[in-house]
Amino acid sequence: MTTNILELDQVCNITQEVYFEIVDHFGIAKKCIEHDPDIQDGTRNTEYGEELYNLIEYAVKNAIDYQGD
């Protein structure tokens, strides 16, 4: 049985931190984030932003050999 060195919520927190650092560093917020009409003052990822987030999450999970979702 493989034991993960991080819990899924920790993986998500790392992914989110890296995502926003990349978005800020490269000035691509308008390309990655848009207003969410379903939530007052809310935002959501664009398709491009979702792809970027998923790539980062995949890289983090691979780096730590995460087993699970």
C-alpha atoms as a PDB file:
ATOM      1  CA  MET A   1       0.000   0.000   0.000  1.00  0.00           C
ATOM      2  CA  THR A   2       1.351   3.402  -1.017  1.00  0.00           C
ATOM      3  CA  THR A   3       1.128   6.261   1.441  1.00  0.00           C
ATOM      4  CA  ASN A   4       0.877   9.789   0.081  1.00  0.00           C
ATOM      5  CA  ILE A   5       3.264  12.332   1.526  1.00  0.00           C
ATOM      6  CA  LEU A   6       0.577  15.007   1.167  1.00  0.00           C
ATOM      7  CA  GLU A   7      -3.198  14.961   1.542  1.00  0.00           C
ATOM      8  CA  LEU A   8      -5.317  15.964  -1.461  1.00  0.00           C
ATOM      9  CA  ASP A   9      -6.216  19.335   0.113  1.00  0.00           C
ATOM     10  CA  GLN A  10      -2.492  20.076   0.522  1.00  0.00           C
ATOM     11  CA  VAL A  11      -1.905  19.221  -3.146  1.00  0.00           C
ATOM     12  CA  CYS A  12      -4.754  21.584  -4.074  1.00  0.00           C
ATOM     13  CA  ASN A  13      -3.323  24.369  -1.897  1.00  0.00           C
ATOM     14  CA  ILE A  14       0.107  24.037  -3.521  1.00  0.00           C
ATOM     15  CA  THR A  15      -1.469  23.952  -6.976  1.00  0.00           C
ATOM     16  CA  GLN A  16      -3.502  27.082  -6.245  1.00  0.00           C
ATOM     17  CA  GLU A  17      -0.483  28.982  -4.902  1.00  0.00           C
ATOM     18  CA  VAL A  18       1.656  28.070  -7.932  1.00  0.00           C
ATOM     19  CA  TYR A  19      -1.212  28.877 -10.313  1.00  0.00           C
ATOM     20  CA  PHE A  20      -1.691  32.397  -8.952  1.00  0.00           C
ATOM     21  CA  GLU A  21       2.069  33.033  -8.851  1.00  0.00           C
ATOM     22  CA  ILE A  22       2.300  32.101 -12.540  1.00  0.00           C
ATOM     23  CA  VAL A  23      -0.782  34.145 -13.462  1.00  0.00           C
ATOM     24  CA  ASP A  24       0.591  37.191 -11.609  1.00  0.00           C
ATOM     25  CA  HIS A  25       4.187  36.787 -12.821  1.00  0.00           C
ATOM     26  CA  PHE A  26       3.222  36.562 -16.470  1.00  0.00           C
ATOM     27  CA  GLY A  27       0.360  39.062 -16.276  1.00  0.00           C
ATOM     28  CA  ILE A  28      -2.170  36.643 -17.750  1.00  0.00           C
ATOM     29  CA  ALA A  29      -5.074  37.158 -15.342  1.00  0.00           C
ATOM     30  CA  LYS A  30      -7.415  38.346 -18.120  1.00  0.00           C
ATOM     31  CA  LYS A  31      -6.597  35.221 -20.111  1.00  0.00           C
ATOM     32  CA  CYS A  32      -7.082  32.856 -17.141  1.00  0.00           C
ATOM     33  CA  ILE A  33      -9.768  34.374 -14.909  1.00  0.00           C
ATOM     34  CA  GLU A  34     -13.192  35.807 -15.697  1.00  0.00           C
ATOM     35  CA  HIS A  35     -16.221  37.100 -13.803  1.00  0.00           C
ATOM     36  CA  ASP A  36     -18.597  34.353 -12.645  1.00  0.00           C
ATOM     37  CA  PRO A  37     -22.152  35.579 -13.319  1.00  0.00           C
ATOM     38  CA  ASP A  38     -23.537  32.959 -10.910  1.00  0.00           C
ATOM     39  CA  ILE A  39     -21.699  34.382  -7.879  1.00  0.00           C
ATOM     40  CA  GLN A  40     -21.847  38.034  -6.865  1.00  0.00           C
ATOM     41  CA  ASP A  41     -18.305  39.444  -7.075  1.00  0.00           C
ATOM     42  CA  GLY A  42     -17.109  35.914  -7.921  1.00  0.00           C
ATOM     43  CA  THR A  43     -14.614  34.719 -10.470  1.00  0.00           C
ATOM     44  CA  ARG A  44     -13.907  31.489 -12.284  1.00  0.00           C
ATOM     45  CA  ASN A  45     -11.195  30.140 -14.526  1.00  0.00           C
ATOM     46  CA  THR A  46     -11.480  30.464 -18.257  1.00  0.00           C
ATOM     47  CA  GLU A  47     -10.856  27.353 -20.334  1.00  0.00           C
ATOM     48  CA  TYR A  48      -7.208  28.454 -20.624  1.00  0.00           C
ATOM     49  CA  GLY A  49      -7.032  28.966 -16.849  1.00  0.00           C
ATOM     50  CA  GLU A  50      -8.533  25.538 -16.191  1.00  0.00           C
ATOM     51  CA  GLU A  51      -5.957  23.932 -18.483  1.00  0.00           C
ATOM     52  CA  LEU A  52      -3.124  25.741 -16.722  1.00  0.00           C
ATOM     53  CA  TYR A  53      -4.450  24.775 -13.285  1.00  0.00           C
ATOM     54  CA  ASN A  54      -4.860  21.129 -14.308  1.00  0.00           C
ATOM     55  CA  LEU A  55      -1.333  20.983 -15.745  1.00  0.00           C
ATOM     56  CA  ILE A  56       0.100  22.365 -12.512  1.00  0.00           C
ATOM     57  CA  GLU A  57      -1.943  19.930 -10.411  1.00  0.00           C
ATOM     58  CA  TYR A  58      -0.788  17.020 -12.573  1.00  0.00           C
ATOM     59  CA  ALA A  59       2.849  18.118 -12.213  1.00  0.00           C
ATOM     60  CA  VAL A  60       2.556  18.409  -8.428  1.00  0.00           C
ATOM     61  CA  LYS A  61       0.945  14.980  -8.147  1.00  0.00           C
ATOM     62  CA  ASN A  62       3.596  13.418 -10.382  1.00  0.00           C
ATOM     63  CA  ALA A  63       6.395  15.084  -8.445  1.00  0.00           C
ATOM     64  CA  ILE A  64       5.237  13.465  -5.214  1.00  0.00           C
ATOM     65  CA  ASP A  65       3.906  10.256  -6.825  1.00  0.00           C
ATOM     66  CA  TYR A  66       0.400  10.978  -5.482  1.00  0.00           C
ATOM     67  CA  GLN A  67      -1.946   7.994  -5.530  1.00  0.00           C
ATOM     68  CA  GLY A  68      -5.638   8.897  -5.698  1.00  0.00           C
ATOM     69  CA  ASP A  69      -7.961  11.430  -7.345  1.00  0.00           C
END
